Amino acid sequence: MRSLKTSGNTVLVTGGSSGIGFALARAFSNSGNKVIICGRNEEKLQRAKEKLPGIEAKKCDISQREDVESLVRWIDLEYPQLNILVNNAGIQRSIELKKGIQEVDKGQADDEISINFRAQVILSEFFIPNFLKRPEGTVIVNVSSGLAFVPIARFPIYCATKAAIHSFTMSLRYQLKDTKIKIFELIPPTVYDTELKGRPLEKSDWTVSSAEVADAMMKGLETDEFEIAVGSTRNWLRASKNDLDQAFGNINR
């Protein structure tokens, strides 16, 4: 199977109005692709369009199945040539499980699971049948995290959903191994210029920029690097159990 052409595609990036998603949208757009982004915040979507006038922006709350179904119908009508799905949308919340249902029953845990994992599964299920009809050049990129391998305990739901994405992507790749759909996993470490934690972080030795993540993704798509680990996650992806236990202790001190 030939490597993907990184231009001339039609791409959907969920959560594409800011952070890693916007960097991915910009990288695809700058490489000569038609890019569609979706997100829940209309103002952020419009700001993204102002920065990247050539993209299409669609408001969609992917935690709501009816919104996802509406998005898919709209794409089928307006962009039937879509051939790349990037499951990027995600939220991260600190949840104190010692407080029990009082903390979890605010709806936060369910929201994280819906956005970070359930929506990725549903979107993949919607688009795979159409992708199977194409002769070649169809791709699904699932964005997980280094925290899928080494969780930060104060973000228990986020880390668990990213671990689920890693597992789901492995299974999806295996089930589709005899087809022409390529399944990639993008595995970033902590990104300092994203608002995932509510505000951008300071640059450090253990963080990378969203642009670095996007560059790594484009190179990985060109070379069929199906697990695209970025920065410190390259070591975590191939680490032994003892290495991961030590890393878990270090980041949770």
C-alpha atoms as a PDB file:
ATOM      1  CA  MET A   1       0.000   0.000   0.000  1.00  0.00           C
ATOM      2  CA  ARG A   2       1.393   3.388  -0.977  1.00  0.00           C
ATOM      3  CA  SER A   3       2.104   6.083   1.605  1.00  0.00           C
ATOM      4  CA  LEU A   4      -0.512   8.784   1.935  1.00  0.00           C
ATOM      5  CA  LYS A   5      -0.287  11.874  -0.224  1.00  0.00           C
ATOM      6  CA  THR A   6      -0.348  14.734   2.266  1.00  0.00           C
ATOM      7  CA  SER A   7      -1.958  17.172  -0.168  1.00  0.00           C
ATOM      8  CA  GLY A   8      -5.220  17.169  -2.100  1.00  0.00           C
ATOM      9  CA  ASN A   9      -7.199  15.523   0.698  1.00  0.00           C
ATOM     10  CA  THR A  10     -10.387  16.544   2.483  1.00  0.00           C
ATOM     11  CA  VAL A  11      -9.874  16.423   6.222  1.00  0.00           C
ATOM     12  CA  LEU A  12     -12.134  16.664   9.282  1.00  0.00           C
ATOM     13  CA  VAL A  13     -10.420  17.694  12.538  1.00  0.00           C
ATOM     14  CA  THR A  14     -12.589  17.534  15.644  1.00  0.00           C
ATOM     15  CA  GLY A  15     -11.757  20.083  18.308  1.00  0.00           C
ATOM     16  CA  GLY A  16      -9.941  22.032  15.622  1.00  0.00           C
ATOM     17  CA  SER A  17     -10.479  25.586  16.831  1.00  0.00           C
ATOM     18  CA  SER A  18      -7.568  25.757  19.280  1.00  0.00           C
ATOM     19  CA  GLY A  19      -4.544  23.955  20.683  1.00  0.00           C
ATOM     20  CA  ILE A  20      -3.348  20.774  19.004  1.00  0.00           C
ATOM     21  CA  GLY A  21      -6.460  20.599  16.823  1.00  0.00           C
ATOM     22  CA  PHE A  22      -5.855  24.045  15.348  1.00  0.00           C
ATOM     23  CA  ALA A  23      -2.184  23.230  14.761  1.00  0.00           C
ATOM     24  CA  LEU A  24      -3.210  20.044  12.925  1.00  0.00           C
ATOM     25  CA  ALA A  25      -5.770  21.972  10.864  1.00  0.00           C
ATOM     26  CA  ARG A  26      -3.158  24.580   9.967  1.00  0.00           C
ATOM     27  CA  ALA A  27      -0.619  21.922   8.970  1.00  0.00           C
ATOM     28  CA  PHE A  28      -3.120  20.191   6.695  1.00  0.00           C
ATOM     29  CA  SER A  29      -4.302  23.495   5.216  1.00  0.00           C
ATOM     30  CA  ASN A  30      -0.753  24.706   4.561  1.00  0.00           C
ATOM     31  CA  SER A  31      -0.037  21.424   2.764  1.00  0.00           C
ATOM     32  CA  GLY A  32      -2.818  21.982   0.246  1.00  0.00           C
ATOM     33  CA  ASN A  33      -5.756  20.129   1.773  1.00  0.00           C
ATOM     34  CA  LYS A  34      -9.389  21.131   2.262  1.00  0.00           C
ATOM     35  CA  VAL A  35      -9.886  21.256   6.030  1.00  0.00           C
ATOM     36  CA  ILE A  36     -13.093  21.140   8.063  1.00  0.00           C
ATOM     37  CA  ILE A  37     -12.956  21.796  11.796  1.00  0.00           C
ATOM     38  CA  CYS A  38     -15.693  21.341  14.362  1.00  0.00           C
ATOM     39  CA  GLY A  39     -16.111  22.405  17.959  1.00  0.00           C
ATOM     40  CA  ARG A  40     -18.619  23.530  20.564  1.00  0.00           C
ATOM     41  CA  ASN A  41     -17.596  27.185  20.817  1.00  0.00           C
ATOM     42  CA  GLU A  42     -18.815  29.382  17.952  1.00  0.00           C
ATOM     43  CA  GLU A  43     -16.486  32.267  18.853  1.00  0.00           C
ATOM     44  CA  LYS A  44     -13.404  30.025  18.809  1.00  0.00           C
ATOM     45  CA  LEU A  45     -14.477  28.550  15.487  1.00  0.00           C
ATOM     46  CA  GLN A  46     -14.810  32.017  13.952  1.00  0.00           C
ATOM     47  CA  ARG A  47     -11.407  33.079  15.294  1.00  0.00           C
ATOM     48  CA  ALA A  48      -9.904  29.959  13.764  1.00  0.00           C
ATOM     49  CA  LYS A  49     -11.498  30.816  10.407  1.00  0.00           C
ATOM     50  CA  GLU A  50     -10.053  34.326  10.580  1.00  0.00           C
ATOM     51  CA  LYS A  51      -6.582  32.852  11.062  1.00  0.00           C
ATOM     52  CA  LEU A  52      -7.102  30.193   8.368  1.00  0.00           C
ATOM     53  CA  PRO A  53      -9.574  31.681   5.855  1.00  0.00           C
ATOM     54  CA  GLY A  54      -9.525  28.608   3.624  1.00  0.00           C
ATOM     55  CA  ILE A  55     -10.965  26.225   6.202  1.00  0.00           C
ATOM     56  CA  GLU A  56     -14.591  25.312   6.859  1.00  0.00           C
ATOM     57  CA  ALA A  57     -15.888  25.510  10.439  1.00  0.00           C
ATOM     58  CA  LYS A  58     -18.933  23.677  11.761  1.00  0.00           C
ATOM     59  CA  LYS A  59     -20.385  23.989  15.242  1.00  0.00           C
ATOM     60  CA  CYS A  60     -20.876  20.548  16.758  1.00  0.00           C
ATOM     61  CA  ASP A  61     -20.965  19.218  20.305  1.00  0.00           C
ATOM     62  CA  ILE A  62     -19.527  15.748  19.791  1.00  0.00           C
ATOM     63  CA  SER A  63     -20.610  14.711  23.282  1.00  0.00           C
ATOM     64  CA  GLN A  64     -24.165  14.685  21.861  1.00  0.00           C
ATOM     65  CA  ARG A  65     -24.912  11.822  19.482  1.00  0.00           C
ATOM     66  CA  GLU A  66     -27.542  13.835  17.595  1.00  0.00           C
ATOM     67  CA  ASP A  67     -24.931  16.529  16.905  1.00  0.00           C
ATOM     68  CA  VAL A  68     -22.523  13.899  15.606  1.00  0.00           C
ATOM     69  CA  GLU A  69     -25.190  12.406  13.344  1.00  0.00           C
ATOM     70  CA  SER A  70     -26.047  15.888  12.032  1.00  0.00           C
ATOM     71  CA  LEU A  71     -22.354  16.566  11.339  1.00  0.00           C
ATOM     72  CA  VAL A  72     -21.984  13.302   9.425  1.00  0.00           C
ATOM     73  CA  ARG A  73     -25.093  14.012   7.312  1.00  0.00           C
ATOM     74  CA  TRP A  74     -23.802  17.498   6.524  1.00  0.00           C
ATOM     75  CA  ILE A  75     -20.393  16.151   5.475  1.00  0.00           C
ATOM     76  CA  ASP A  76     -22.006  13.445   3.334  1.00  0.00           C
ATOM     77  CA  LEU A  77     -23.940  16.192   1.534  1.00  0.00           C
ATOM     78  CA  GLU A  78     -21.317  18.947   1.315  1.00  0.00           C
ATOM     79  CA  TYR A  79     -18.001  17.051   1.365  1.00  0.00           C
ATOM     80  CA  PRO A  80     -18.613  13.481   0.197  1.00  0.00           C
ATOM     81  CA  GLN A  81     -14.948  13.311  -0.847  1.00  0.00           C
ATOM     82  CA  LEU A  82     -13.797  13.458   2.797  1.00  0.00           C
ATOM     83  CA  ASN A  83     -11.006  10.921   3.211  1.00  0.00           C
ATOM     84  CA  ILE A  84      -9.204  11.823   6.451  1.00  0.00           C
ATOM     85  CA  LEU A  85     -10.795  11.830   9.905  1.00  0.00           C
ATOM     86  CA  VAL A  86      -8.760  13.247  12.801  1.00  0.00           C
ATOM     87  CA  ASN A  87     -10.328  12.388  16.160  1.00  0.00           C
ATOM     88  CA  ASN A  88      -8.672  15.097  18.230  1.00  0.00           C
ATOM     89  CA  ALA A  89     -11.309  16.684  20.497  1.00  0.00           C
ATOM     90  CA  GLY A  90     -10.664  16.271  24.191  1.00  0.00           C
ATOM     91  CA  ILE A  91     -11.156  17.836  27.603  1.00  0.00           C
ATOM     92  CA  GLN A  92      -9.188  17.343  30.807  1.00  0.00           C
ATOM     93  CA  ARG A  93     -10.500  17.837  34.330  1.00  0.00           C
ATOM     94  CA  SER A  94      -9.087  17.305  37.799  1.00  0.00           C
ATOM     95  CA  ILE A  95     -11.456  14.990  39.696  1.00  0.00           C
ATOM     96  CA  GLU A  96     -11.063  14.096  43.384  1.00  0.00           C
ATOM     97  CA  LEU A  97     -12.396  10.552  43.638  1.00  0.00           C
ATOM     98  CA  LYS A  98     -12.187  10.514  47.456  1.00  0.00           C
ATOM     99  CA  LYS A  99     -15.245  12.758  47.389  1.00  0.00           C
ATOM    100  CA  GLY A 100     -17.160   9.962  45.707  1.00  0.00           C
ATOM    101  CA  ILE A 101     -20.360  10.598  43.805  1.00  0.00           C
ATOM    102  CA  GLN A 102     -20.466  14.181  45.083  1.00  0.00           C
ATOM    103  CA  GLU A 103     -17.509  14.959  42.824  1.00  0.00           C
ATOM    104  CA  VAL A 104     -18.140  12.607  39.912  1.00  0.00           C
ATOM    105  CA  ASP A 105     -21.887  13.207  39.634  1.00  0.00           C
ATOM    106  CA  LYS A 106     -21.429  16.800  38.491  1.00  0.00           C
ATOM    107  CA  GLY A 107     -21.576  15.350  34.996  1.00  0.00           C
ATOM    108  CA  GLN A 108     -17.899  16.032  34.465  1.00  0.00           C
ATOM    109  CA  ALA A 109     -16.828  12.406  34.225  1.00  0.00           C
ATOM    110  CA  ASP A 110     -19.564  11.544  31.743  1.00  0.00           C
ATOM    111  CA  ASP A 111     -18.693  14.613  29.662  1.00  0.00           C
ATOM    112  CA  GLU A 112     -15.029  13.589  29.512  1.00  0.00           C
ATOM    113  CA  ILE A 113     -15.873  10.032  28.529  1.00  0.00           C
ATOM    114  CA  SER A 114     -18.313  11.220  25.853  1.00  0.00           C
ATOM    115  CA  ILE A 115     -15.954  13.737  24.272  1.00  0.00           C
ATOM    116  CA  ASN A 116     -12.633  11.953  24.728  1.00  0.00           C
ATOM    117  CA  PHE A 117     -13.682   8.421  23.812  1.00  0.00           C
ATOM    118  CA  ARG A 118     -17.306   7.698  22.927  1.00  0.00           C
ATOM    119  CA  ALA A 119     -17.423  10.311  20.153  1.00  0.00           C
ATOM    120  CA  GLN A 120     -14.211   8.953  18.593  1.00  0.00           C
ATOM    121  CA  VAL A 121     -15.765   5.493  18.410  1.00  0.00           C
ATOM    122  CA  ILE A 122     -19.033   6.780  16.950  1.00  0.00           C
ATOM    123  CA  LEU A 123     -17.327   8.954  14.311  1.00  0.00           C
ATOM    124  CA  SER A 124     -15.091   6.055  13.279  1.00  0.00           C
ATOM    125  CA  GLU A 125     -18.119   3.778  12.958  1.00  0.00           C
ATOM    126  CA  PHE A 126     -19.932   6.355  10.826  1.00  0.00           C
ATOM    127  CA  PHE A 127     -17.074   7.000   8.403  1.00  0.00           C
ATOM    128  CA  ILE A 128     -15.516   3.533   8.023  1.00  0.00           C
ATOM    129  CA  PRO A 129     -18.249   2.169   5.673  1.00  0.00           C
ATOM    130  CA  ASN A 130     -17.753   5.120   3.297  1.00  0.00           C
ATOM    131  CA  PHE A 131     -13.981   4.853   3.537  1.00  0.00           C
ATOM    132  CA  LEU A 132     -14.159   1.142   2.645  1.00  0.00           C
ATOM    133  CA  LYS A 133     -15.726   2.087  -0.693  1.00  0.00           C
ATOM    134  CA  ARG A 134     -12.725   4.187  -1.686  1.00  0.00           C
ATOM    135  CA  PRO A 135      -9.900   2.636  -3.693  1.00  0.00           C
ATOM    136  CA  GLU A 136      -7.181   4.143  -1.441  1.00  0.00           C
ATOM    137  CA  GLY A 137      -6.070   7.192   0.498  1.00  0.00           C
ATOM    138  CA  THR A 138      -8.438   7.003   3.483  1.00  0.00           C
ATOM    139  CA  VAL A 139      -7.088   7.633   6.963  1.00  0.00           C
ATOM    140  CA  ILE A 140      -8.268   7.799  10.577  1.00  0.00           C
ATOM    141  CA  VAL A 141      -5.991   9.541  13.073  1.00  0.00           C
ATOM    142  CA  ASN A 142      -6.837   9.064  16.755  1.00  0.00           C
ATOM    143  CA  VAL A 143      -5.125  11.490  19.125  1.00  0.00           C
ATOM    144  CA  SER A 144      -4.278   9.807  22.415  1.00  0.00           C
ATOM    145  CA  SER A 145      -1.640  11.004  24.893  1.00  0.00           C
ATOM    146  CA  GLY A 146       1.491   9.978  26.733  1.00  0.00           C
ATOM    147  CA  LEU A 147      -0.845   9.862  29.743  1.00  0.00           C
ATOM    148  CA  ALA A 148      -2.414   6.754  28.199  1.00  0.00           C
ATOM    149  CA  PHE A 149       0.765   4.957  29.311  1.00  0.00           C
ATOM    150  CA  VAL A 150       1.755   6.935  32.425  1.00  0.00           C
ATOM    151  CA  PRO A 151      -1.330   8.514  34.041  1.00  0.00           C
ATOM    152  CA  ILE A 152      -1.394  11.601  36.224  1.00  0.00           C
ATOM    153  CA  ALA A 153      -3.661  10.540  39.071  1.00  0.00           C
ATOM    154  CA  ARG A 154      -5.403  13.898  39.476  1.00  0.00           C
ATOM    155  CA  PHE A 155      -6.800  13.503  35.931  1.00  0.00           C
ATOM    156  CA  PRO A 156      -8.183   9.959  36.288  1.00  0.00           C
ATOM    157  CA  ILE A 157     -10.938  10.092  33.660  1.00  0.00           C
ATOM    158  CA  TYR A 158      -8.849  11.891  31.057  1.00  0.00           C
ATOM    159  CA  CYS A 159      -5.984   9.410  31.389  1.00  0.00           C
ATOM    160  CA  ALA A 160      -8.351   6.440  31.298  1.00  0.00           C
ATOM    161  CA  THR A 161     -10.055   7.694  28.129  1.00  0.00           C
ATOM    162  CA  LYS A 162      -6.685   8.160  26.434  1.00  0.00           C
ATOM    163  CA  ALA A 163      -5.706   4.619  27.408  1.00  0.00           C
ATOM    164  CA  ALA A 164      -9.008   3.502  25.889  1.00  0.00           C
ATOM    165  CA  ILE A 165      -8.197   5.393  22.684  1.00  0.00           C
ATOM    166  CA  HIS A 166      -4.833   3.599  22.484  1.00  0.00           C
ATOM    167  CA  SER A 167      -6.491   0.198  22.919  1.00  0.00           C
ATOM    168  CA  PHE A 168      -9.322   1.025  20.503  1.00  0.00           C
ATOM    169  CA  THR A 169      -6.860   2.218  17.865  1.00  0.00           C
ATOM    170  CA  MET A 170      -4.831  -0.984  18.087  1.00  0.00           C
ATOM    171  CA  SER A 171      -7.983  -3.072  17.624  1.00  0.00           C
ATOM    172  CA  LEU A 172      -9.235  -0.860  14.805  1.00  0.00           C
ATOM    173  CA  ARG A 173      -5.919  -1.128  12.977  1.00  0.00           C
ATOM    174  CA  TYR A 174      -5.979  -4.917  13.300  1.00  0.00           C
ATOM    175  CA  GLN A 175      -9.590  -5.260  12.122  1.00  0.00           C
ATOM    176  CA  LEU A 176      -8.877  -3.072   9.078  1.00  0.00           C
ATOM    177  CA  LYS A 177      -5.445  -4.511   8.241  1.00  0.00           C
ATOM    178  CA  ASP A 178      -6.767  -6.149   5.050  1.00  0.00           C
ATOM    179  CA  THR A 179      -8.375  -2.915   3.828  1.00  0.00           C
ATOM    180  CA  LYS A 180      -6.935   0.285   2.397  1.00  0.00           C
ATOM    181  CA  ILE A 181      -7.913   2.372   5.428  1.00  0.00           C
ATOM    182  CA  LYS A 182      -4.852   3.430   7.393  1.00  0.00           C
ATOM    183  CA  ILE A 183      -5.167   3.860  11.144  1.00  0.00           C
ATOM    184  CA  PHE A 184      -2.745   6.185  12.935  1.00  0.00           C
ATOM    185  CA  GLU A 185      -2.344   7.080  16.588  1.00  0.00           C
ATOM    186  CA  LEU A 186      -0.845  10.456  17.453  1.00  0.00           C
ATOM    187  CA  ILE A 187       0.690  10.387  20.941  1.00  0.00           C
ATOM    188  CA  PRO A 188       1.689  13.839  22.213  1.00  0.00           C
ATOM    189  CA  PRO A 189       3.235  14.619  25.596  1.00  0.00           C
ATOM    190  CA  THR A 190       2.163  17.716  27.536  1.00  0.00           C
ATOM    191  CA  VAL A 191       1.739  20.600  25.094  1.00  0.00           C
ATOM    192  CA  TYR A 192       2.572  23.983  26.586  1.00  0.00           C
ATOM    193  CA  ASP A 193       0.588  26.229  24.215  1.00  0.00           C
ATOM    194  CA  THR A 194      -2.807  24.606  24.584  1.00  0.00           C
ATOM    195  CA  GLU A 195      -5.712  25.564  26.836  1.00  0.00           C
ATOM    196  CA  LEU A 196      -6.480  21.973  27.824  1.00  0.00           C
ATOM    197  CA  LYS A 197      -5.654  22.714  31.478  1.00  0.00           C
ATOM    198  CA  GLY A 198      -7.485  26.042  31.358  1.00  0.00           C
ATOM    199  CA  ARG A 199      -4.458  28.141  30.447  1.00  0.00           C
ATOM    200  CA  PRO A 200      -1.210  27.774  28.479  1.00  0.00           C
ATOM    201  CA  LEU A 201       1.788  26.359  30.370  1.00  0.00           C
ATOM    202  CA  GLU A 202       5.386  27.495  30.452  1.00  0.00           C
ATOM    203  CA  LYS A 203       7.778  25.888  27.993  1.00  0.00           C
ATOM    204  CA  SER A 204      10.019  23.275  29.607  1.00  0.00           C
ATOM    205  CA  ASP A 205      12.168  20.246  28.809  1.00  0.00           C
ATOM    206  CA  TRP A 206       9.187  17.907  29.149  1.00  0.00           C
ATOM    207  CA  THR A 207       6.699  19.867  27.036  1.00  0.00           C
ATOM    208  CA  VAL A 208       6.394  20.513  23.293  1.00  0.00           C
ATOM    209  CA  SER A 209       4.472  23.012  21.172  1.00  0.00           C
ATOM    210  CA  SER A 210       1.320  22.189  19.246  1.00  0.00           C
ATOM    211  CA  ALA A 211       3.254  23.000  16.054  1.00  0.00           C
ATOM    212  CA  GLU A 212       5.795  20.288  16.920  1.00  0.00           C
ATOM    213  CA  VAL A 213       2.961  17.792  17.338  1.00  0.00           C
ATOM    214  CA  ALA A 214       1.501  18.791  13.964  1.00  0.00           C
ATOM    215  CA  ASP A 215       4.884  18.505  12.239  1.00  0.00           C
ATOM    216  CA  ALA A 216       5.373  15.036  13.718  1.00  0.00           C
ATOM    217  CA  MET A 217       1.940  13.980  12.492  1.00  0.00           C
ATOM    218  CA  MET A 218       2.564  15.129   8.919  1.00  0.00           C
ATOM    219  CA  LYS A 219       5.910  13.290   8.816  1.00  0.00           C
ATOM    220  CA  GLY A 220       4.305  10.178  10.307  1.00  0.00           C
ATOM    221  CA  LEU A 221       1.553  10.184   7.686  1.00  0.00           C
ATOM    222  CA  GLU A 222       4.148  10.443   4.916  1.00  0.00           C
ATOM    223  CA  THR A 223       6.188   7.500   6.223  1.00  0.00           C
ATOM    224  CA  ASP A 224       3.393   5.237   7.514  1.00  0.00           C
ATOM    225  CA  GLU A 225       4.519   5.581  11.131  1.00  0.00           C
ATOM    226  CA  PHE A 226       1.284   4.265  12.530  1.00  0.00           C
ATOM    227  CA  GLU A 227       2.130   5.130  16.156  1.00  0.00           C
ATOM    228  CA  ILE A 228       3.378   8.708  16.015  1.00  0.00           C
ATOM    229  CA  ALA A 229       4.964   9.322  19.403  1.00  0.00           C
ATOM    230  CA  VAL A 230       6.177  12.865  20.067  1.00  0.00           C
ATOM    231  CA  GLY A 231       8.857  13.999  22.517  1.00  0.00           C
ATOM    232  CA  SER A 232       9.019  12.044  25.778  1.00  0.00           C
ATOM    233  CA  THR A 233       6.248   9.692  24.684  1.00  0.00           C
ATOM    234  CA  ARG A 234       8.691   8.002  22.305  1.00  0.00           C
ATOM    235  CA  ASN A 235      10.371   6.465  25.355  1.00  0.00           C
ATOM    236  CA  TRP A 236       7.099   5.650  27.118  1.00  0.00           C
ATOM    237  CA  LEU A 237       5.640   3.873  24.094  1.00  0.00           C
ATOM    238  CA  ARG A 238       8.393   1.223  24.129  1.00  0.00           C
ATOM    239  CA  ALA A 239       9.186   1.280  27.841  1.00  0.00           C
ATOM    240  CA  SER A 240       9.197  -1.766  30.106  1.00  0.00           C
ATOM    241  CA  LYS A 241       6.739  -2.171  32.985  1.00  0.00           C
ATOM    242  CA  ASN A 242       9.457  -1.148  35.439  1.00  0.00           C
ATOM    243  CA  ASP A 243      10.227   1.973  33.417  1.00  0.00           C
ATOM    244  CA  LEU A 244       6.551   2.963  33.355  1.00  0.00           C
ATOM    245  CA  ASP A 245       6.140   2.353  37.100  1.00  0.00           C
ATOM    246  CA  GLN A 246       9.121   4.605  37.754  1.00  0.00           C
ATOM    247  CA  ALA A 247       7.737   7.301  35.423  1.00  0.00           C
ATOM    248  CA  PHE A 248       4.350   7.060  37.177  1.00  0.00           C
ATOM    249  CA  GLY A 249       6.009   7.653  40.527  1.00  0.00           C
ATOM    250  CA  ASN A 250       7.963  10.608  39.176  1.00  0.00           C
ATOM    251  CA  ILE A 251       5.058  12.510  37.611  1.00  0.00           C
ATOM    252  CA  ASN A 252       2.717  11.875  40.556  1.00  0.00           C
ATOM    253  CA  ARG A 253       5.025  13.096  43.325  1.00  0.00           C
END
